[in-house]
N, C-alpha and C. Protein backbone atom coordinates (compact mmCIF):
# COMPACT_ATOMS: atom_id res chain seq x y z
N MET A 1 6.46 -11.52 12.06
CA MET A 1 5.90 -10.18 11.85
C MET A 1 6.86 -9.35 10.99
N THR A 2 6.28 -8.56 10.10
CA THR A 2 7.04 -7.64 9.27
C THR A 2 6.48 -6.24 9.46
N GLU A 3 7.34 -5.26 9.62
CA GLU A 3 6.88 -3.88 9.73
C GLU A 3 7.24 -3.15 8.43
N LEU A 4 6.24 -2.50 7.84
CA LEU A 4 6.43 -1.77 6.60
C LEU A 4 6.26 -0.28 6.83
N TYR A 5 7.20 0.49 6.32
CA TYR A 5 7.07 1.95 6.26
C TYR A 5 6.83 2.28 4.79
N ILE A 6 5.63 2.74 4.47
CA ILE A 6 5.24 3.02 3.10
C ILE A 6 5.13 4.53 2.93
N ILE A 7 6.06 5.12 2.18
CA ILE A 7 6.12 6.58 2.07
C ILE A 7 5.82 7.03 0.64
N ARG A 8 5.13 8.13 0.54
CA ARG A 8 4.90 8.76 -0.76
C ARG A 8 6.07 9.69 -1.08
N HIS A 9 6.41 9.81 -2.34
CA HIS A 9 7.52 10.66 -2.77
C HIS A 9 7.32 12.12 -2.38
N GLY A 10 8.39 12.88 -2.44
CA GLY A 10 8.34 14.31 -2.17
C GLY A 10 7.61 15.08 -3.27
N ARG A 11 7.45 16.36 -3.03
CA ARG A 11 6.69 17.24 -3.92
C ARG A 11 7.41 17.43 -5.26
N THR A 12 6.63 17.50 -6.32
CA THR A 12 7.16 17.72 -7.67
C THR A 12 6.54 18.98 -8.28
N VAL A 13 7.09 19.39 -9.40
CA VAL A 13 6.55 20.55 -10.13
C VAL A 13 5.11 20.29 -10.56
N TRP A 14 4.84 19.09 -11.00
CA TRP A 14 3.48 18.77 -11.45
C TRP A 14 2.51 18.66 -10.27
N ASN A 15 2.98 18.25 -9.10
CA ASN A 15 2.13 18.33 -7.90
C ASN A 15 1.69 19.77 -7.69
N ALA A 16 2.66 20.66 -7.73
CA ALA A 16 2.38 22.08 -7.49
C ALA A 16 1.45 22.66 -8.55
N ALA A 17 1.57 22.18 -9.79
CA ALA A 17 0.77 22.72 -10.91
C ALA A 17 -0.59 22.04 -11.04
N GLY A 18 -0.86 21.02 -10.22
CA GLY A 18 -2.13 20.32 -10.30
C GLY A 18 -2.27 19.46 -11.54
N LYS A 19 -1.15 18.89 -12.01
CA LYS A 19 -1.17 18.03 -13.19
C LYS A 19 -1.10 16.56 -12.80
N ILE A 20 -1.74 15.71 -13.59
CA ILE A 20 -1.71 14.27 -13.38
C ILE A 20 -0.34 13.73 -13.81
N GLN A 21 0.32 12.99 -12.92
CA GLN A 21 1.67 12.50 -13.22
C GLN A 21 1.66 11.07 -13.74
N GLY A 22 1.18 10.14 -12.94
CA GLY A 22 1.16 8.75 -13.37
C GLY A 22 2.54 8.23 -13.71
N SER A 23 2.69 7.68 -14.91
CA SER A 23 3.96 7.08 -15.31
C SER A 23 4.96 8.11 -15.84
N ALA A 24 4.55 9.38 -15.96
CA ALA A 24 5.47 10.43 -16.40
C ALA A 24 6.58 10.58 -15.36
N ASP A 25 7.81 10.72 -15.84
CA ASP A 25 8.97 10.69 -14.93
C ASP A 25 9.36 12.11 -14.54
N ILE A 26 8.71 12.63 -13.50
CA ILE A 26 8.86 14.02 -13.09
C ILE A 26 9.81 14.13 -11.89
N GLU A 27 10.67 15.14 -11.92
CA GLU A 27 11.66 15.34 -10.87
C GLU A 27 11.04 15.99 -9.63
N LEU A 28 11.73 15.83 -8.49
CA LEU A 28 11.35 16.54 -7.28
C LEU A 28 11.69 18.03 -7.40
N THR A 29 10.91 18.85 -6.71
CA THR A 29 11.28 20.25 -6.52
C THR A 29 12.29 20.32 -5.38
N GLU A 30 12.87 21.50 -5.17
CA GLU A 30 13.77 21.67 -4.03
C GLU A 30 13.02 21.44 -2.72
N ASP A 31 11.78 21.90 -2.64
CA ASP A 31 10.96 21.64 -1.46
C ASP A 31 10.75 20.14 -1.27
N GLY A 32 10.55 19.45 -2.39
CA GLY A 32 10.35 18.00 -2.32
C GLY A 32 11.58 17.28 -1.80
N ARG A 33 12.73 17.71 -2.25
CA ARG A 33 13.99 17.12 -1.77
C ARG A 33 14.19 17.43 -0.30
N LEU A 34 13.89 18.65 0.11
CA LEU A 34 14.08 19.04 1.50
C LEU A 34 13.15 18.24 2.42
N GLY A 35 11.91 18.03 1.98
CA GLY A 35 10.99 17.22 2.78
C GLY A 35 11.52 15.82 3.00
N ALA A 36 12.12 15.24 1.96
CA ALA A 36 12.70 13.90 2.09
C ALA A 36 13.91 13.91 3.02
N VAL A 37 14.74 14.93 2.90
CA VAL A 37 15.92 15.06 3.78
C VAL A 37 15.48 15.17 5.24
N LEU A 38 14.49 16.00 5.51
CA LEU A 38 14.03 16.19 6.88
C LEU A 38 13.42 14.91 7.46
N THR A 39 12.74 14.16 6.61
CA THR A 39 12.18 12.87 7.05
C THR A 39 13.30 11.92 7.44
N GLY A 40 14.31 11.82 6.58
CA GLY A 40 15.45 10.96 6.89
C GLY A 40 16.17 11.38 8.15
N GLU A 41 16.32 12.69 8.36
CA GLU A 41 16.98 13.18 9.57
C GLU A 41 16.19 12.81 10.82
N ALA A 42 14.87 12.90 10.72
CA ALA A 42 14.02 12.53 11.87
C ALA A 42 14.18 11.05 12.18
N TRP A 43 14.22 10.23 11.17
CA TRP A 43 14.40 8.79 11.38
C TRP A 43 15.76 8.47 11.97
N GLU A 44 16.79 9.14 11.45
CA GLU A 44 18.14 8.90 11.97
C GLU A 44 18.23 9.31 13.44
N LYS A 45 17.64 10.45 13.78
CA LYS A 45 17.66 10.92 15.16
C LYS A 45 16.95 9.95 16.09
N ALA A 46 15.88 9.32 15.56
CA ALA A 46 15.12 8.35 16.35
C ALA A 46 15.79 6.97 16.39
N GLY A 47 16.88 6.81 15.63
CA GLY A 47 17.57 5.52 15.59
C GLY A 47 16.79 4.45 14.85
N LEU A 48 15.99 4.88 13.87
CA LEU A 48 15.15 3.93 13.14
C LEU A 48 15.99 3.07 12.20
N HIS A 49 15.86 1.78 12.37
CA HIS A 49 16.63 0.81 11.57
C HIS A 49 15.74 0.18 10.51
N PHE A 50 16.27 0.03 9.30
CA PHE A 50 15.58 -0.70 8.24
C PHE A 50 16.44 -1.87 7.79
N ASP A 51 15.78 -2.92 7.35
CA ASP A 51 16.49 -4.09 6.84
C ASP A 51 16.57 -4.09 5.32
N ALA A 52 15.71 -3.33 4.66
CA ALA A 52 15.72 -3.26 3.20
C ALA A 52 14.94 -2.04 2.76
N VAL A 53 15.28 -1.54 1.57
CA VAL A 53 14.59 -0.39 0.98
C VAL A 53 14.20 -0.73 -0.46
N TYR A 54 12.93 -0.52 -0.79
CA TYR A 54 12.42 -0.74 -2.14
C TYR A 54 11.77 0.54 -2.64
N SER A 55 11.97 0.83 -3.92
CA SER A 55 11.44 2.07 -4.48
C SER A 55 10.93 1.85 -5.90
N SER A 56 9.89 2.60 -6.24
CA SER A 56 9.52 2.76 -7.64
C SER A 56 10.74 3.31 -8.38
N PRO A 57 10.93 2.91 -9.65
CA PRO A 57 12.08 3.42 -10.40
C PRO A 57 11.89 4.85 -10.91
N LEU A 58 10.69 5.40 -10.81
CA LEU A 58 10.47 6.77 -11.29
C LEU A 58 11.28 7.76 -10.45
N LYS A 59 11.80 8.80 -11.10
CA LYS A 59 12.76 9.71 -10.47
C LYS A 59 12.28 10.28 -9.15
N ARG A 60 11.02 10.68 -9.10
CA ARG A 60 10.53 11.34 -7.89
C ARG A 60 10.52 10.41 -6.68
N ALA A 61 10.28 9.13 -6.92
CA ALA A 61 10.29 8.15 -5.82
C ALA A 61 11.71 7.71 -5.50
N TYR A 62 12.50 7.42 -6.52
CA TYR A 62 13.86 6.93 -6.29
C TYR A 62 14.71 7.98 -5.59
N ALA A 63 14.58 9.25 -6.01
CA ALA A 63 15.33 10.32 -5.35
C ALA A 63 14.89 10.45 -3.90
N THR A 64 13.59 10.35 -3.65
CA THR A 64 13.09 10.39 -2.27
C THR A 64 13.69 9.25 -1.46
N ALA A 65 13.72 8.05 -2.04
CA ALA A 65 14.26 6.89 -1.34
C ALA A 65 15.73 7.09 -0.96
N LEU A 66 16.51 7.62 -1.88
CA LEU A 66 17.93 7.87 -1.59
C LEU A 66 18.09 8.87 -0.46
N LEU A 67 17.26 9.90 -0.45
CA LEU A 67 17.39 10.96 0.55
C LEU A 67 16.91 10.51 1.93
N VAL A 68 15.82 9.78 2.00
CA VAL A 68 15.31 9.39 3.32
C VAL A 68 16.09 8.25 3.94
N SER A 69 16.72 7.42 3.11
CA SER A 69 17.41 6.24 3.65
C SER A 69 18.92 6.34 3.60
N GLY A 70 19.45 7.50 3.19
CA GLY A 70 20.89 7.64 3.03
C GLY A 70 21.67 7.29 4.28
N TYR A 71 21.12 7.63 5.44
CA TYR A 71 21.84 7.37 6.70
C TYR A 71 21.98 5.89 7.01
N THR A 72 21.17 5.04 6.38
CA THR A 72 21.19 3.61 6.69
C THR A 72 22.32 2.87 5.99
N GLY A 73 22.81 3.43 4.88
CA GLY A 73 23.84 2.74 4.11
C GLY A 73 23.31 1.60 3.26
N LEU A 74 21.97 1.43 3.23
CA LEU A 74 21.37 0.34 2.46
C LEU A 74 21.26 0.70 0.97
N THR A 75 21.30 -0.32 0.14
CA THR A 75 21.04 -0.14 -1.28
C THR A 75 19.54 0.05 -1.50
N VAL A 76 19.18 0.99 -2.37
CA VAL A 76 17.77 1.17 -2.73
C VAL A 76 17.47 0.26 -3.91
N ASN A 77 16.58 -0.69 -3.70
CA ASN A 77 16.20 -1.64 -4.74
C ASN A 77 15.09 -1.05 -5.60
N ARG A 78 15.39 -0.80 -6.88
CA ARG A 78 14.35 -0.33 -7.80
C ARG A 78 13.41 -1.49 -8.13
N GLU A 79 12.12 -1.24 -7.99
CA GLU A 79 11.12 -2.28 -8.22
C GLU A 79 10.06 -1.75 -9.18
N ASP A 80 10.04 -2.31 -10.39
CA ASP A 80 9.15 -1.79 -11.43
C ASP A 80 7.68 -1.91 -11.07
N ARG A 81 7.34 -2.90 -10.27
CA ARG A 81 5.94 -3.08 -9.89
C ARG A 81 5.41 -1.96 -9.00
N LEU A 82 6.32 -1.13 -8.46
CA LEU A 82 5.91 -0.03 -7.60
C LEU A 82 5.67 1.27 -8.37
N ARG A 83 5.76 1.22 -9.70
CA ARG A 83 5.46 2.42 -10.50
C ARG A 83 4.04 2.91 -10.21
N GLU A 84 3.84 4.20 -10.41
CA GLU A 84 2.50 4.77 -10.23
C GLU A 84 1.56 4.26 -11.32
N LEU A 85 0.27 4.35 -11.05
CA LEU A 85 -0.75 4.04 -12.03
C LEU A 85 -0.50 4.81 -13.32
N ASN A 86 -0.57 4.11 -14.44
CA ASN A 86 -0.41 4.75 -15.74
C ASN A 86 -1.76 5.37 -16.14
N PHE A 87 -1.76 6.69 -16.27
CA PHE A 87 -2.99 7.41 -16.63
C PHE A 87 -3.14 7.64 -18.13
N GLY A 88 -2.23 7.08 -18.93
CA GLY A 88 -2.36 7.17 -20.37
C GLY A 88 -2.47 8.60 -20.87
N VAL A 89 -3.50 8.86 -21.68
CA VAL A 89 -3.66 10.17 -22.31
C VAL A 89 -3.94 11.29 -21.31
N LEU A 90 -4.25 10.94 -20.06
CA LEU A 90 -4.54 11.97 -19.06
C LEU A 90 -3.28 12.56 -18.44
N GLU A 91 -2.14 11.92 -18.64
CA GLU A 91 -0.92 12.40 -18.00
C GLU A 91 -0.51 13.76 -18.54
N GLY A 92 -0.21 14.67 -17.63
CA GLY A 92 0.12 16.04 -17.99
C GLY A 92 -1.09 16.95 -18.05
N GLN A 93 -2.29 16.35 -17.93
CA GLN A 93 -3.53 17.12 -17.97
C GLN A 93 -3.91 17.57 -16.55
N SER A 94 -4.90 18.45 -16.49
CA SER A 94 -5.35 18.97 -15.21
C SER A 94 -5.94 17.88 -14.31
N PHE A 95 -5.73 18.04 -13.02
CA PHE A 95 -6.28 17.10 -12.03
C PHE A 95 -7.81 17.05 -12.09
N GLU A 96 -8.43 18.07 -12.70
CA GLU A 96 -9.89 18.08 -12.82
C GLU A 96 -10.42 16.81 -13.47
N HIS A 97 -9.63 16.22 -14.36
CA HIS A 97 -10.06 15.01 -15.07
C HIS A 97 -10.37 13.86 -14.10
N ILE A 98 -9.69 13.83 -12.97
CA ILE A 98 -9.93 12.73 -12.02
C ILE A 98 -10.58 13.22 -10.73
N GLN A 99 -11.02 14.48 -10.72
CA GLN A 99 -11.66 15.02 -9.52
C GLN A 99 -13.10 15.46 -9.75
N ASP A 100 -13.47 15.67 -11.00
CA ASP A 100 -14.77 16.27 -11.30
C ASP A 100 -15.51 15.43 -12.35
N ALA A 101 -16.55 14.72 -11.92
CA ALA A 101 -17.29 13.84 -12.82
C ALA A 101 -18.07 14.62 -13.87
N ASP A 102 -18.40 15.87 -13.59
CA ASP A 102 -19.06 16.70 -14.61
C ASP A 102 -18.07 17.11 -15.70
N PHE A 103 -16.84 17.37 -15.30
CA PHE A 103 -15.79 17.74 -16.23
C PHE A 103 -15.37 16.56 -17.10
N ASP A 104 -15.27 15.37 -16.47
CA ASP A 104 -14.84 14.15 -17.18
C ASP A 104 -15.63 12.96 -16.63
N PRO A 105 -16.76 12.62 -17.27
CA PRO A 105 -17.63 11.56 -16.76
C PRO A 105 -16.97 10.19 -16.62
N ASP A 106 -15.98 9.87 -17.46
CA ASP A 106 -15.35 8.55 -17.39
C ASP A 106 -14.30 8.42 -16.30
N HIS A 107 -13.68 9.54 -15.93
CA HIS A 107 -12.54 9.48 -15.01
C HIS A 107 -12.71 10.33 -13.76
N GLY A 108 -13.70 11.21 -13.75
CA GLY A 108 -13.89 12.11 -12.62
C GLY A 108 -14.33 11.43 -11.34
N CYS A 109 -14.70 10.15 -11.44
CA CYS A 109 -15.12 9.38 -10.26
C CYS A 109 -13.93 8.70 -9.57
N PHE A 110 -12.72 9.00 -10.01
CA PHE A 110 -11.51 8.32 -9.54
C PHE A 110 -11.43 8.26 -8.02
N PHE A 111 -11.70 9.38 -7.34
CA PHE A 111 -11.59 9.43 -5.89
C PHE A 111 -12.90 9.07 -5.19
N THR A 112 -14.03 9.39 -5.79
CA THR A 112 -15.31 9.18 -5.12
C THR A 112 -15.89 7.79 -5.34
N HIS A 113 -15.73 7.25 -6.54
CA HIS A 113 -16.24 5.90 -6.85
C HIS A 113 -15.19 5.16 -7.67
N PRO A 114 -14.08 4.76 -7.04
CA PRO A 114 -12.99 4.15 -7.80
C PRO A 114 -13.39 2.88 -8.53
N GLU A 115 -14.43 2.19 -8.05
CA GLU A 115 -14.87 0.96 -8.71
C GLU A 115 -15.48 1.24 -10.08
N LEU A 116 -15.82 2.52 -10.36
CA LEU A 116 -16.41 2.90 -11.65
C LEU A 116 -15.40 3.53 -12.60
N TYR A 117 -14.20 3.75 -12.13
CA TYR A 117 -13.17 4.40 -12.93
C TYR A 117 -12.84 3.58 -14.17
N LYS A 118 -12.80 4.24 -15.32
CA LYS A 118 -12.51 3.56 -16.58
C LYS A 118 -11.07 3.81 -17.01
N ARG A 119 -10.43 2.77 -17.50
CA ARG A 119 -9.05 2.89 -17.97
C ARG A 119 -8.96 3.93 -19.08
N PRO A 120 -8.09 4.95 -18.95
CA PRO A 120 -7.92 5.92 -20.03
C PRO A 120 -7.19 5.27 -21.21
N ASP A 121 -7.31 5.83 -22.38
CA ASP A 121 -6.57 5.32 -23.54
C ASP A 121 -5.08 5.30 -23.21
N GLY A 122 -4.46 4.16 -23.42
CA GLY A 122 -3.03 4.01 -23.16
C GLY A 122 -2.67 3.83 -21.70
N GLY A 123 -3.66 3.75 -20.84
CA GLY A 123 -3.40 3.67 -19.40
C GLY A 123 -3.74 2.33 -18.78
N GLU A 124 -3.78 2.31 -17.46
CA GLU A 124 -4.08 1.11 -16.69
C GLU A 124 -5.40 1.27 -15.94
N SER A 125 -5.98 0.17 -15.58
CA SER A 125 -7.13 0.17 -14.68
C SER A 125 -6.63 0.06 -13.24
N LEU A 126 -7.50 0.38 -12.29
CA LEU A 126 -7.13 0.22 -10.88
C LEU A 126 -6.95 -1.26 -10.53
N GLU A 127 -7.69 -2.13 -11.20
CA GLU A 127 -7.52 -3.57 -10.98
C GLU A 127 -6.10 -4.01 -11.36
N GLU A 128 -5.59 -3.46 -12.46
CA GLU A 128 -4.23 -3.80 -12.88
C GLU A 128 -3.19 -3.26 -11.90
N LEU A 129 -3.44 -2.06 -11.39
CA LEU A 129 -2.55 -1.49 -10.38
C LEU A 129 -2.52 -2.37 -9.13
N CYS A 130 -3.69 -2.80 -8.68
CA CYS A 130 -3.77 -3.64 -7.48
C CYS A 130 -3.10 -5.00 -7.70
N ALA A 131 -3.17 -5.51 -8.91
CA ALA A 131 -2.51 -6.78 -9.21
C ALA A 131 -1.00 -6.64 -9.09
N ARG A 132 -0.46 -5.50 -9.53
CA ARG A 132 0.98 -5.25 -9.38
C ARG A 132 1.36 -5.16 -7.91
N ALA A 133 0.53 -4.44 -7.15
CA ALA A 133 0.80 -4.28 -5.72
C ALA A 133 0.77 -5.64 -5.01
N ALA A 134 -0.21 -6.47 -5.35
CA ALA A 134 -0.34 -7.78 -4.71
C ALA A 134 0.84 -8.68 -5.05
N SER A 135 1.28 -8.64 -6.29
CA SER A 135 2.43 -9.44 -6.71
C SER A 135 3.69 -9.04 -5.94
N PHE A 136 3.92 -7.72 -5.83
CA PHE A 136 5.09 -7.24 -5.09
C PHE A 136 5.03 -7.66 -3.63
N LEU A 137 3.88 -7.44 -2.99
CA LEU A 137 3.76 -7.76 -1.56
C LEU A 137 3.91 -9.25 -1.29
N SER A 138 3.39 -10.07 -2.19
CA SER A 138 3.52 -11.52 -2.01
C SER A 138 4.99 -11.92 -1.96
N ASP A 139 5.78 -11.38 -2.88
CA ASP A 139 7.21 -11.69 -2.90
C ASP A 139 7.92 -11.10 -1.68
N LEU A 140 7.59 -9.86 -1.36
CA LEU A 140 8.26 -9.18 -0.25
C LEU A 140 8.01 -9.89 1.07
N LEU A 141 6.75 -10.22 1.35
CA LEU A 141 6.39 -10.80 2.64
C LEU A 141 6.81 -12.26 2.78
N SER A 142 7.11 -12.89 1.66
CA SER A 142 7.66 -14.24 1.75
C SER A 142 9.15 -14.21 2.07
N GLU A 143 9.80 -13.07 1.77
CA GLU A 143 11.23 -12.93 2.04
C GLU A 143 11.51 -12.32 3.40
N TYR A 144 10.68 -11.36 3.80
CA TYR A 144 10.88 -10.67 5.09
C TYR A 144 9.71 -11.00 6.01
N LYS A 145 9.92 -11.87 6.94
CA LYS A 145 8.81 -12.32 7.81
C LYS A 145 9.25 -12.59 9.24
N ASP A 146 10.46 -12.22 9.58
CA ASP A 146 10.99 -12.55 10.90
C ASP A 146 11.37 -11.30 11.70
N GLY A 147 10.44 -10.33 11.74
CA GLY A 147 10.68 -9.14 12.54
C GLY A 147 11.41 -8.03 11.82
N GLN A 148 11.59 -8.14 10.50
CA GLN A 148 12.30 -7.10 9.77
C GLN A 148 11.41 -5.87 9.53
N ARG A 149 12.08 -4.76 9.30
CA ARG A 149 11.40 -3.51 8.95
C ARG A 149 11.84 -3.11 7.55
N VAL A 150 10.88 -2.91 6.66
CA VAL A 150 11.17 -2.62 5.25
C VAL A 150 10.57 -1.27 4.86
N LEU A 151 11.36 -0.47 4.18
CA LEU A 151 10.91 0.82 3.67
C LEU A 151 10.49 0.67 2.21
N ILE A 152 9.29 1.17 1.88
CA ILE A 152 8.77 1.15 0.51
C ILE A 152 8.47 2.59 0.10
N VAL A 153 9.08 3.03 -1.00
CA VAL A 153 8.90 4.40 -1.47
C VAL A 153 8.19 4.38 -2.81
N ALA A 154 7.00 4.95 -2.84
CA ALA A 154 6.23 4.88 -4.09
C ALA A 154 5.34 6.12 -4.24
N HIS A 155 4.09 5.93 -4.63
CA HIS A 155 3.24 7.00 -5.11
C HIS A 155 1.85 6.94 -4.45
N GLY A 156 1.08 8.02 -4.63
CA GLY A 156 -0.21 8.12 -4.00
C GLY A 156 -1.15 6.95 -4.27
N ALA A 157 -1.41 6.67 -5.55
CA ALA A 157 -2.33 5.58 -5.89
C ALA A 157 -1.70 4.21 -5.63
N MET A 158 -0.43 4.06 -5.96
CA MET A 158 0.23 2.79 -5.70
C MET A 158 0.21 2.45 -4.21
N ASN A 159 0.49 3.43 -3.37
CA ASN A 159 0.49 3.17 -1.93
C ASN A 159 -0.90 2.78 -1.44
N LYS A 160 -1.93 3.36 -2.02
CA LYS A 160 -3.30 2.95 -1.67
C LYS A 160 -3.57 1.51 -2.12
N ALA A 161 -3.02 1.14 -3.27
CA ALA A 161 -3.17 -0.24 -3.74
C ALA A 161 -2.46 -1.21 -2.79
N LEU A 162 -1.31 -0.82 -2.30
CA LEU A 162 -0.60 -1.65 -1.32
C LEU A 162 -1.44 -1.80 -0.05
N MET A 163 -1.98 -0.69 0.42
CA MET A 163 -2.79 -0.73 1.65
C MET A 163 -4.05 -1.56 1.47
N LEU A 164 -4.71 -1.41 0.32
CA LEU A 164 -5.93 -2.18 0.06
C LEU A 164 -5.62 -3.67 0.03
N THR A 165 -4.50 -4.03 -0.58
CA THR A 165 -4.09 -5.43 -0.64
C THR A 165 -3.81 -5.97 0.76
N LEU A 166 -3.09 -5.20 1.56
CA LEU A 166 -2.75 -5.64 2.91
C LEU A 166 -4.00 -5.82 3.77
N LYS A 167 -5.00 -4.96 3.55
CA LYS A 167 -6.24 -5.01 4.35
C LYS A 167 -7.29 -5.92 3.74
N HIS A 168 -6.97 -6.54 2.58
CA HIS A 168 -7.92 -7.43 1.89
C HIS A 168 -9.23 -6.70 1.61
N GLY A 169 -9.12 -5.44 1.17
CA GLY A 169 -10.30 -4.63 0.94
C GLY A 169 -10.87 -4.77 -0.46
N GLU A 170 -12.01 -4.11 -0.68
CA GLU A 170 -12.65 -4.10 -1.99
C GLU A 170 -12.32 -2.80 -2.72
N LEU A 171 -12.42 -2.84 -4.03
CA LEU A 171 -12.01 -1.70 -4.85
C LEU A 171 -12.79 -0.43 -4.49
N LYS A 172 -14.03 -0.57 -4.09
CA LYS A 172 -14.82 0.61 -3.73
C LYS A 172 -14.23 1.35 -2.52
N ASP A 173 -13.41 0.64 -1.74
CA ASP A 173 -12.78 1.23 -0.56
C ASP A 173 -11.33 1.64 -0.82
N PHE A 174 -10.98 1.77 -2.10
CA PHE A 174 -9.60 2.05 -2.48
C PHE A 174 -9.02 3.25 -1.74
N TRP A 175 -9.81 4.31 -1.58
CA TRP A 175 -9.31 5.54 -0.97
C TRP A 175 -9.63 5.65 0.51
N ALA A 176 -10.06 4.55 1.13
CA ALA A 176 -10.36 4.58 2.57
C ALA A 176 -9.12 4.96 3.36
N GLY A 177 -9.34 5.63 4.48
CA GLY A 177 -8.21 6.07 5.29
C GLY A 177 -7.69 7.41 4.82
N GLN A 178 -6.56 7.81 5.35
CA GLN A 178 -6.01 9.12 5.06
C GLN A 178 -5.26 9.13 3.74
N LEU A 179 -5.43 10.21 2.99
CA LEU A 179 -4.68 10.40 1.75
C LEU A 179 -3.31 10.94 2.11
N GLN A 180 -2.26 10.26 1.66
CA GLN A 180 -0.90 10.68 1.99
C GLN A 180 -0.52 12.00 1.32
N LYS A 181 0.04 12.89 2.11
CA LYS A 181 0.67 14.07 1.53
C LYS A 181 2.04 13.66 1.01
N ASN A 182 2.72 14.56 0.32
CA ASN A 182 4.09 14.27 -0.10
C ASN A 182 4.95 14.00 1.13
N CYS A 183 5.68 12.90 1.09
CA CYS A 183 6.51 12.41 2.19
C CYS A 183 5.69 11.92 3.39
N GLY A 184 4.39 11.74 3.19
CA GLY A 184 3.57 11.12 4.24
C GLY A 184 3.88 9.63 4.34
N VAL A 185 3.82 9.10 5.56
CA VAL A 185 4.24 7.73 5.82
C VAL A 185 3.12 6.91 6.47
N ASN A 186 2.88 5.73 5.92
CA ASN A 186 2.00 4.74 6.55
C ASN A 186 2.88 3.68 7.20
N ILE A 187 2.59 3.35 8.46
CA ILE A 187 3.33 2.31 9.17
C ILE A 187 2.39 1.15 9.42
N VAL A 188 2.78 -0.01 8.94
CA VAL A 188 1.90 -1.19 8.95
C VAL A 188 2.68 -2.40 9.47
N ARG A 189 2.04 -3.21 10.29
CA ARG A 189 2.63 -4.47 10.74
C ARG A 189 1.81 -5.62 10.18
N VAL A 190 2.51 -6.61 9.64
CA VAL A 190 1.86 -7.75 9.02
C VAL A 190 2.34 -9.03 9.70
N ALA A 191 1.39 -9.82 10.18
CA ALA A 191 1.71 -11.09 10.82
C ALA A 191 0.63 -12.10 10.49
N ASP A 192 1.04 -13.27 10.03
CA ASP A 192 0.10 -14.35 9.71
C ASP A 192 -0.98 -13.90 8.74
N GLY A 193 -0.59 -13.07 7.77
CA GLY A 193 -1.52 -12.61 6.76
C GLY A 193 -2.47 -11.51 7.19
N LYS A 194 -2.32 -11.04 8.44
CA LYS A 194 -3.20 -9.99 8.95
C LYS A 194 -2.40 -8.69 9.11
N CYS A 195 -3.07 -7.60 8.79
CA CYS A 195 -2.43 -6.29 8.77
C CYS A 195 -2.94 -5.42 9.92
N THR A 196 -2.03 -4.78 10.61
CA THR A 196 -2.37 -3.79 11.63
C THR A 196 -1.79 -2.46 11.22
N VAL A 197 -2.65 -1.46 11.05
CA VAL A 197 -2.18 -0.13 10.70
C VAL A 197 -1.79 0.60 11.98
N VAL A 198 -0.51 0.89 12.12
CA VAL A 198 0.02 1.57 13.30
C VAL A 198 -0.20 3.07 13.20
N GLU A 199 0.08 3.60 12.02
CA GLU A 199 -0.06 5.03 11.78
C GLU A 199 -0.27 5.25 10.30
N GLU A 200 -1.02 6.30 9.96
CA GLU A 200 -1.32 6.53 8.55
C GLU A 200 -1.13 8.00 8.21
N GLY A 201 -0.35 8.26 7.17
CA GLY A 201 -0.18 9.62 6.69
C GLY A 201 0.69 10.52 7.55
N ARG A 202 1.56 9.93 8.37
CA ARG A 202 2.40 10.75 9.24
C ARG A 202 3.44 11.52 8.44
N VAL A 203 3.58 12.80 8.76
CA VAL A 203 4.61 13.66 8.17
C VAL A 203 5.58 14.02 9.28
N TYR A 204 6.87 13.86 9.04
CA TYR A 204 7.88 14.00 10.08
C TYR A 204 8.50 15.38 10.19
N PHE A 205 7.90 16.37 9.54
CA PHE A 205 8.42 17.73 9.61
C PHE A 205 7.25 18.71 9.57
N ALA A 206 7.47 19.89 10.14
CA ALA A 206 6.43 20.92 10.13
C ALA A 206 6.37 21.57 8.75
N PRO A 207 5.17 21.87 8.25
CA PRO A 207 5.05 22.47 6.91
C PRO A 207 5.91 23.72 6.73
N GLU A 208 6.03 24.51 7.78
CA GLU A 208 6.81 25.75 7.67
C GLU A 208 8.30 25.49 7.52
N ALA A 209 8.72 24.26 7.77
CA ALA A 209 10.14 23.93 7.65
C ALA A 209 10.63 23.94 6.21
N ILE A 210 9.68 23.85 5.26
CA ILE A 210 10.11 23.84 3.85
C ILE A 210 9.47 24.98 3.07
N ARG A 211 9.08 26.02 3.78
CA ARG A 211 8.50 27.18 3.10
C ARG A 211 9.40 28.40 3.30
């Protein structure tokens, strides 16, 4: 059995501004850093042990990984396959492009009908994102399979791709379950190729703690 803690990065300026980030390398805000610190403190207080830490190399995820796992003394392994979905020409644009099908007929179905989402110019498809997630998990679960607990720090869409892969789901169900907030954590146990979701979208601090 392997236990995975899959966390989304802390809040960024573009999160606050409602801009699409994707592969753009955006820094955490002070609130984002504080959320990661508070999460790490909660884990340390609970005596939570990890055997390995993996992170997307993008600044917002890697900084989050360093802050939440600092108490463990573990090295944060940068893993390129954990990068967020590349949104191509949509990066830096309003979130409306992926939220409103009337505003953007090709991409506005991103959350409601992900199976219909079309790759933006210069970007990736959700199928390509899921292939990256599956490749990473295949390697990870072949290495850690004897009761270890592994921390994975990545992004909203990437984390959904990881969850879909673990649950052997279909693309139409890409957004099933809870949408992670910044520093939200999914806890999953994997044994004999089967996934058990222990908790989804848990936040380890009160919202008022960073306001």
